[in-house]
């Protein structure tokens, strides 16, 4: 809990906020963009910072009208501190639950630049199902705990209860894993996991698309995961638009990390799961051009 004494002092200006459903490649993109100079990165998801004071709410849709100056100040200083932000650096942050609450993020950072990373929902659904069933990464969790502000202790309690409930139901990743859309708790109790994961992707993508449409276009950049991993030009174009230095350094990092896994989701699921998933995803996949 030592981090409570290390709140950041540098002021955050024009932060780069990566938006994307869980298992869409947001960590991959974050680590690549942060490999150059003049950036400071929040090295893991920090939903506990964004949800400060409302950890027990049933979903991740935070109301910007409920944002107080004190809460805004806490979020900004916490992120700056976790990233060890210096005055001449730009913050890069990705917390997948922010996909469901862009208006709240915008209220915290009115000058934010958004990168919306979209991946085929079929691949995301299958990947998310494996994550729901996987045990927590205790090493990463302990690292977060050591740096967590004391006022976020309620999130630790919530996480403990969520983990125990998940274990009872056979989901080692927790009773609810990933972004919590409205109604997800009822769905986890009454629907098969494949449907919950498909709905999770659908709600995240559609909510983000709708919310980002209200933000000036010069602060919103959309990129497809499939383009990112198959075409380095997609990355270099994004780097130029974001105004980041060290394009060659970023590209070198990209080449060491890239590992395309596209179109494998269907083959790993049963025929029944594929049918259930397709029913939920088809309208959104068609709108995005993944289905013709």
Protein backbone atom coordinates (compact mmCIF):
# COMPACT_ATOMS: atom_id res chain seq x y z
CA UNK A 1 0.00 0.00 0.00
CA UNK A 2 3.05 2.26 -0.23
CA UNK A 3 1.80 3.98 -3.33
CA UNK A 4 -0.63 6.10 -1.37
CA UNK A 5 2.37 8.32 -0.59
CA UNK A 6 3.46 8.61 -4.23
CA UNK A 7 0.72 10.57 -5.93
CA UNK A 8 1.96 12.07 -9.18
CA UNK A 9 2.81 15.76 -9.30
CA UNK A 10 3.24 16.23 -13.06
CA UNK A 11 0.16 17.53 -14.84
CA UNK A 12 -1.35 15.20 -17.45
CA UNK A 13 -1.85 16.83 -20.86
CA UNK A 14 -3.40 15.21 -23.95
CA UNK A 15 -3.19 11.65 -22.58
CA UNK A 16 -3.52 8.76 -25.00
CA UNK A 17 -6.40 6.57 -23.81
CA UNK A 18 -6.62 3.16 -25.47
CA UNK A 19 -10.19 1.92 -25.74
CA UNK A 20 -11.06 -1.66 -26.61
CA UNK A 21 -12.92 -4.74 -25.44
CA UNK A 22 -10.96 -7.17 -23.28
CA UNK A 23 -8.82 -9.61 -25.32
CA UNK A 24 -8.71 -7.22 -28.29
CA UNK A 25 -4.96 -6.59 -28.17
CA UNK A 26 -5.04 -3.42 -26.06
CA UNK A 27 -2.07 -4.48 -23.92
CA UNK A 28 -0.08 -5.24 -27.07
CA UNK A 29 -0.85 -1.81 -28.51
CA UNK A 30 -0.16 -0.03 -25.23
CA UNK A 31 3.27 -1.61 -24.80
CA UNK A 32 4.25 -0.83 -28.39
CA UNK A 33 3.21 2.84 -28.26
CA UNK A 34 4.96 3.29 -24.92
CA UNK A 35 8.29 1.93 -26.17
CA UNK A 36 9.43 5.29 -27.53
CA UNK A 37 10.60 8.31 -25.58
CA UNK A 38 8.50 11.13 -24.12
CA UNK A 39 5.80 8.73 -22.91
CA UNK A 40 4.85 7.41 -19.48
CA UNK A 41 2.68 4.31 -19.29
CA UNK A 42 0.27 2.95 -16.73
CA UNK A 43 1.61 -0.63 -16.94
CA UNK A 44 -1.59 -2.51 -16.14
CA UNK A 45 -5.35 -2.02 -15.96
CA UNK A 46 -6.35 0.16 -13.02
CA UNK A 47 -10.09 -0.21 -12.80
CA UNK A 48 -9.79 0.34 -9.06
CA UNK A 49 -8.57 3.91 -9.68
CA UNK A 50 -11.40 4.76 -12.06
CA UNK A 51 -13.98 3.15 -9.76
CA UNK A 52 -12.68 4.82 -6.62
CA UNK A 53 -15.55 5.17 -4.16
CA UNK A 54 -17.96 3.06 -6.23
CA UNK A 55 -16.26 -0.35 -6.22
CA UNK A 56 -19.44 -2.17 -5.24
CA UNK A 57 -21.53 -0.82 -8.12
CA UNK A 58 -22.77 -3.73 -10.24
CA UNK A 59 -21.39 -2.44 -13.55
CA UNK A 60 -18.59 -0.30 -14.99
CA UNK A 61 -20.83 2.41 -16.46
CA UNK A 62 -19.77 5.44 -14.43
CA UNK A 63 -21.90 8.59 -14.56
CA UNK A 64 -19.87 11.71 -15.44
CA UNK A 65 -22.42 13.79 -13.52
CA UNK A 66 -21.25 12.05 -10.33
CA UNK A 67 -17.63 13.12 -10.88
CA UNK A 68 -16.53 15.53 -8.17
CA UNK A 69 -13.43 17.72 -8.36
CA UNK A 70 -11.87 15.67 -5.57
CA UNK A 71 -12.48 12.41 -7.40
CA UNK A 72 -11.18 13.84 -10.68
CA UNK A 73 -8.05 15.06 -8.92
CA UNK A 74 -7.52 11.66 -7.31
CA UNK A 75 -7.81 9.80 -10.64
CA UNK A 76 -5.46 12.18 -12.45
CA UNK A 77 -2.83 12.16 -9.71
CA UNK A 78 -3.07 8.39 -9.22
CA UNK A 79 -2.50 7.68 -12.90
CA UNK A 80 0.38 10.16 -13.07
CA UNK A 81 1.96 8.53 -10.04
CA UNK A 82 1.59 4.94 -11.23
CA UNK A 83 3.11 5.93 -14.59
CA UNK A 84 5.91 7.96 -12.94
CA UNK A 85 4.93 10.78 -15.28
CA UNK A 86 7.44 13.58 -15.89
CA UNK A 87 6.46 17.05 -17.04
CA UNK A 88 7.61 16.55 -20.65
CA UNK A 89 5.90 13.17 -21.14
CA UNK A 90 2.51 12.02 -22.44
CA UNK A 91 0.53 9.50 -20.46
CA UNK A 92 -0.58 6.27 -22.15
CA UNK A 93 -3.36 4.39 -20.35
CA UNK A 94 -5.59 1.43 -21.09
CA UNK A 95 -8.20 -0.01 -18.78
CA UNK A 96 -10.60 -2.17 -20.76
CA UNK A 97 -13.61 -1.20 -18.64
CA UNK A 98 -13.22 2.37 -19.95
CA UNK A 99 -14.74 1.06 -23.16
CA UNK A 100 -18.09 1.21 -21.37
CA UNK A 101 -17.66 4.73 -19.93
CA UNK A 102 -16.03 7.06 -22.44
CA UNK A 103 -18.14 10.05 -21.25
CA UNK A 104 -16.74 9.60 -17.74
CA UNK A 105 -13.17 9.37 -19.06
CA UNK A 106 -13.82 12.50 -21.11
CA UNK A 107 -14.99 14.32 -17.99
CA UNK A 108 -11.74 13.39 -16.22
CA UNK A 109 -9.55 14.24 -19.24
CA UNK A 110 -11.29 16.78 -21.52
CA UNK A 111 -8.25 16.90 -23.81
CA UNK A 112 -7.73 13.12 -24.11
CA UNK A 113 -6.87 11.46 -27.41
CA UNK A 114 -8.57 8.10 -27.92
CA UNK A 115 -7.38 5.06 -29.83
CA UNK A 116 -10.22 2.58 -30.35
CA UNK A 117 -8.86 -0.89 -31.09
CA UNK A 118 -11.45 -3.26 -32.57
CA UNK A 119 -10.96 -7.01 -33.04
CA UNK A 120 -13.21 -9.65 -34.59
CA UNK A 121 -15.72 -10.58 -31.89
CA UNK A 122 -15.48 -14.29 -32.66
CA UNK A 123 -11.79 -14.37 -31.75
CA UNK A 124 -12.39 -12.15 -28.72
CA UNK A 125 -15.22 -14.33 -27.40
CA UNK A 126 -13.17 -17.52 -27.52
CA UNK A 127 -10.15 -15.83 -25.94
CA UNK A 128 -12.28 -14.27 -23.20
CA UNK A 129 -13.81 -17.65 -22.36
CA UNK A 130 -10.35 -19.03 -21.64
CA UNK A 131 -9.55 -16.00 -19.47
CA UNK A 132 -12.71 -16.40 -17.40
CA UNK A 133 -11.62 -19.96 -16.60
CA UNK A 134 -7.97 -19.13 -15.89
CA UNK A 135 -6.72 -18.48 -12.34
CA UNK A 136 -5.70 -14.92 -11.43
CA UNK A 137 -2.13 -13.80 -12.08
CA UNK A 138 -1.19 -13.50 -8.43
CA UNK A 139 2.21 -11.93 -9.14
CA UNK A 140 0.62 -9.05 -11.04
CA UNK A 141 -2.10 -8.71 -8.43
CA UNK A 142 0.44 -8.43 -5.63
CA UNK A 143 2.30 -5.75 -7.59
CA UNK A 144 -0.92 -3.78 -7.94
CA UNK A 145 -1.69 -4.23 -4.27
CA UNK A 146 1.68 -2.84 -3.22
CA UNK A 147 1.05 0.34 -5.23
CA UNK A 148 -2.65 0.71 -4.49
CA UNK A 149 -3.82 3.86 -2.67
CA UNK A 150 -5.38 3.15 0.71
CA UNK A 151 -8.69 4.66 -0.38
CA UNK A 152 -9.05 1.78 -2.86
CA UNK A 153 -9.15 -0.91 -0.17
CA UNK A 154 -12.86 -1.42 -0.85
CA UNK A 155 -11.92 -2.68 -4.33
CA UNK A 156 -9.63 -5.29 -2.75
CA UNK A 157 -12.56 -6.55 -0.68
CA UNK A 158 -14.82 -6.63 -3.75
CA UNK A 159 -12.17 -8.51 -5.74
CA UNK A 160 -11.84 -11.11 -2.98
CA UNK A 161 -15.57 -11.78 -2.92
CA UNK A 162 -15.71 -11.87 -6.72
CA UNK A 163 -12.88 -14.42 -6.85
CA UNK A 164 -14.51 -16.68 -4.25
CA UNK A 165 -17.89 -16.58 -6.01
CA UNK A 166 -16.19 -17.43 -9.29
CA UNK A 167 -14.41 -20.42 -7.80
CA UNK A 168 -17.73 -21.76 -6.52
CA UNK A 169 -19.14 -21.53 -10.06
CA UNK A 170 -16.04 -23.00 -11.68
CA UNK A 171 -14.70 -19.74 -13.13
CA UNK A 172 -11.20 -19.33 -11.74
CA UNK A 173 -10.99 -15.83 -13.20
CA UNK A 174 -13.79 -14.66 -10.92
CA UNK A 175 -17.56 -14.54 -10.83
CA UNK A 176 -17.27 -11.65 -13.28
CA UNK A 177 -14.14 -11.15 -15.36
CA UNK A 178 -13.43 -8.14 -17.53
CA UNK A 179 -15.69 -5.15 -18.28
CA UNK A 180 -18.99 -5.27 -16.40
CA UNK A 181 -21.83 -4.24 -18.70
CA UNK A 182 -25.24 -3.53 -17.17
CA UNK A 183 -26.87 -6.87 -16.35
CA UNK A 184 -23.73 -9.00 -16.54
CA UNK A 185 -24.25 -10.47 -13.06
CA UNK A 186 -27.69 -11.81 -14.03
CA UNK A 187 -26.25 -13.16 -17.27
CA UNK A 188 -23.44 -15.04 -15.52
CA UNK A 189 -26.06 -16.74 -13.35
CA UNK A 190 -28.47 -17.62 -16.14
CA UNK A 191 -26.61 -17.87 -19.46
CA UNK A 192 -23.75 -20.05 -20.73
CA UNK A 193 -20.29 -18.50 -20.66
CA UNK A 194 -20.03 -18.25 -24.45
CA UNK A 195 -23.08 -15.97 -24.52
CA UNK A 196 -21.77 -13.80 -21.67
CA UNK A 197 -18.43 -13.32 -23.45
CA UNK A 198 -20.15 -12.54 -26.76
CA UNK A 199 -22.40 -10.00 -25.05
CA UNK A 200 -19.40 -8.50 -23.27
CA UNK A 201 -17.69 -7.82 -26.61
CA UNK A 202 -20.91 -6.56 -28.21
CA UNK A 203 -21.71 -4.11 -25.41
CA UNK A 204 -18.12 -2.84 -25.26
CA UNK A 205 -17.76 -2.23 -28.98
CA UNK A 206 -21.19 -0.74 -29.58
CA UNK A 207 -21.05 1.49 -26.50
CA UNK A 208 -17.60 2.79 -27.40
CA UNK A 209 -18.56 3.46 -31.02
CA UNK A 210 -21.62 5.43 -29.92
CA UNK A 211 -19.83 7.43 -27.23
CA UNK A 212 -16.72 8.20 -29.29
CA UNK A 213 -18.91 9.56 -32.09
CA UNK A 214 -19.74 12.56 -29.89
CA UNK A 215 -16.06 13.51 -29.45
CA UNK A 216 -14.28 15.69 -32.06
CA UNK A 217 -12.84 13.47 -34.77
CA UNK A 218 -9.34 14.93 -34.41
CA UNK A 219 -9.15 13.27 -30.98
CA UNK A 220 -10.42 9.83 -31.98
CA UNK A 221 -8.53 7.22 -33.99
CA UNK A 222 -9.88 3.78 -34.82
CA UNK A 223 -7.68 0.84 -35.75
CA UNK A 224 -8.49 -2.82 -36.40
CA UNK A 225 -6.46 -5.48 -34.64
CA UNK A 226 -6.28 -7.45 -37.88
CA UNK A 227 -4.68 -4.49 -39.68
CA UNK A 228 -2.34 -3.80 -36.77
CA UNK A 229 -0.81 -7.29 -36.65
CA UNK A 230 -0.63 -7.80 -40.42
CA UNK A 231 0.48 -4.41 -41.65
CA UNK A 232 3.15 -2.29 -39.92
CA UNK A 233 1.97 0.70 -41.95
CA UNK A 234 -1.22 0.73 -39.89
CA UNK A 235 0.94 1.23 -36.81
CA UNK A 236 3.22 3.89 -38.29
CA UNK A 237 0.20 5.84 -39.54
CA UNK A 238 -1.24 5.76 -36.03
CA UNK A 239 2.06 6.89 -34.51
CA UNK A 240 2.12 9.86 -36.90
CA UNK A 241 -1.46 10.82 -36.05
CA UNK A 242 -0.71 10.65 -32.33
CA UNK A 243 2.39 12.80 -32.79
CA UNK A 244 4.68 10.35 -30.99
CA UNK A 245 8.47 10.48 -31.54
CA UNK A 246 10.80 7.51 -32.13
CA UNK A 247 8.77 5.81 -34.84
CA UNK A 248 11.67 3.45 -35.64
CA UNK A 249 11.99 2.40 -31.99
CA UNK A 250 8.26 1.73 -31.80
CA UNK A 251 8.37 -0.29 -35.01
CA UNK A 252 11.27 -2.38 -33.71
CA UNK A 253 9.31 -3.15 -30.54
CA UNK A 254 6.32 -4.07 -32.66
CA UNK A 255 8.35 -6.60 -34.64
CA UNK A 256 9.53 -8.31 -31.45
CA UNK A 257 6.00 -8.65 -30.03
CA UNK A 258 3.69 -9.18 -32.99
CA UNK A 259 2.16 -12.65 -33.24
CA UNK A 260 -0.94 -12.73 -35.45
CA UNK A 261 -3.74 -14.98 -34.22
CA UNK A 262 -6.69 -14.26 -36.47
CA UNK A 263 -9.72 -16.36 -37.26
CA UNK A 264 -8.98 -19.15 -34.79
CA UNK A 265 -11.92 -18.54 -32.46
CA UNK A 266 -14.45 -20.58 -34.42
CA UNK A 267 -12.25 -23.66 -34.67
CA UNK A 268 -11.74 -23.87 -30.90
CA UNK A 269 -15.44 -23.81 -30.01
CA UNK A 270 -18.07 -26.52 -30.24
CA UNK A 271 -20.73 -26.35 -32.93
CA UNK A 272 -23.31 -25.40 -30.28
CA UNK A 273 -21.16 -22.63 -28.83
CA UNK A 274 -20.41 -21.30 -32.30
CA UNK A 275 -24.12 -21.08 -33.08
CA UNK A 276 -24.91 -19.28 -29.81
CA UNK A 277 -22.02 -16.87 -30.29
CA UNK A 278 -22.93 -16.12 -33.90
CA UNK A 279 -26.52 -15.24 -33.03
CA UNK A 280 -25.36 -12.54 -30.61
CA UNK A 281 -22.45 -11.20 -32.64
CA UNK A 282 -23.83 -11.24 -36.19
CA UNK A 283 -25.49 -7.78 -36.29
CA UNK A 284 -22.41 -6.00 -34.92
CA UNK A 285 -19.94 -8.05 -36.97
CA UNK A 286 -21.93 -7.24 -40.10
CA UNK A 287 -22.00 -3.52 -39.27
CA UNK A 288 -18.22 -3.58 -38.80
CA UNK A 289 -17.60 -5.47 -42.04
CA UNK A 290 -16.40 -8.72 -40.49
CA UNK A 291 -19.36 -10.53 -42.05
CA UNK A 292 -20.63 -9.92 -45.55
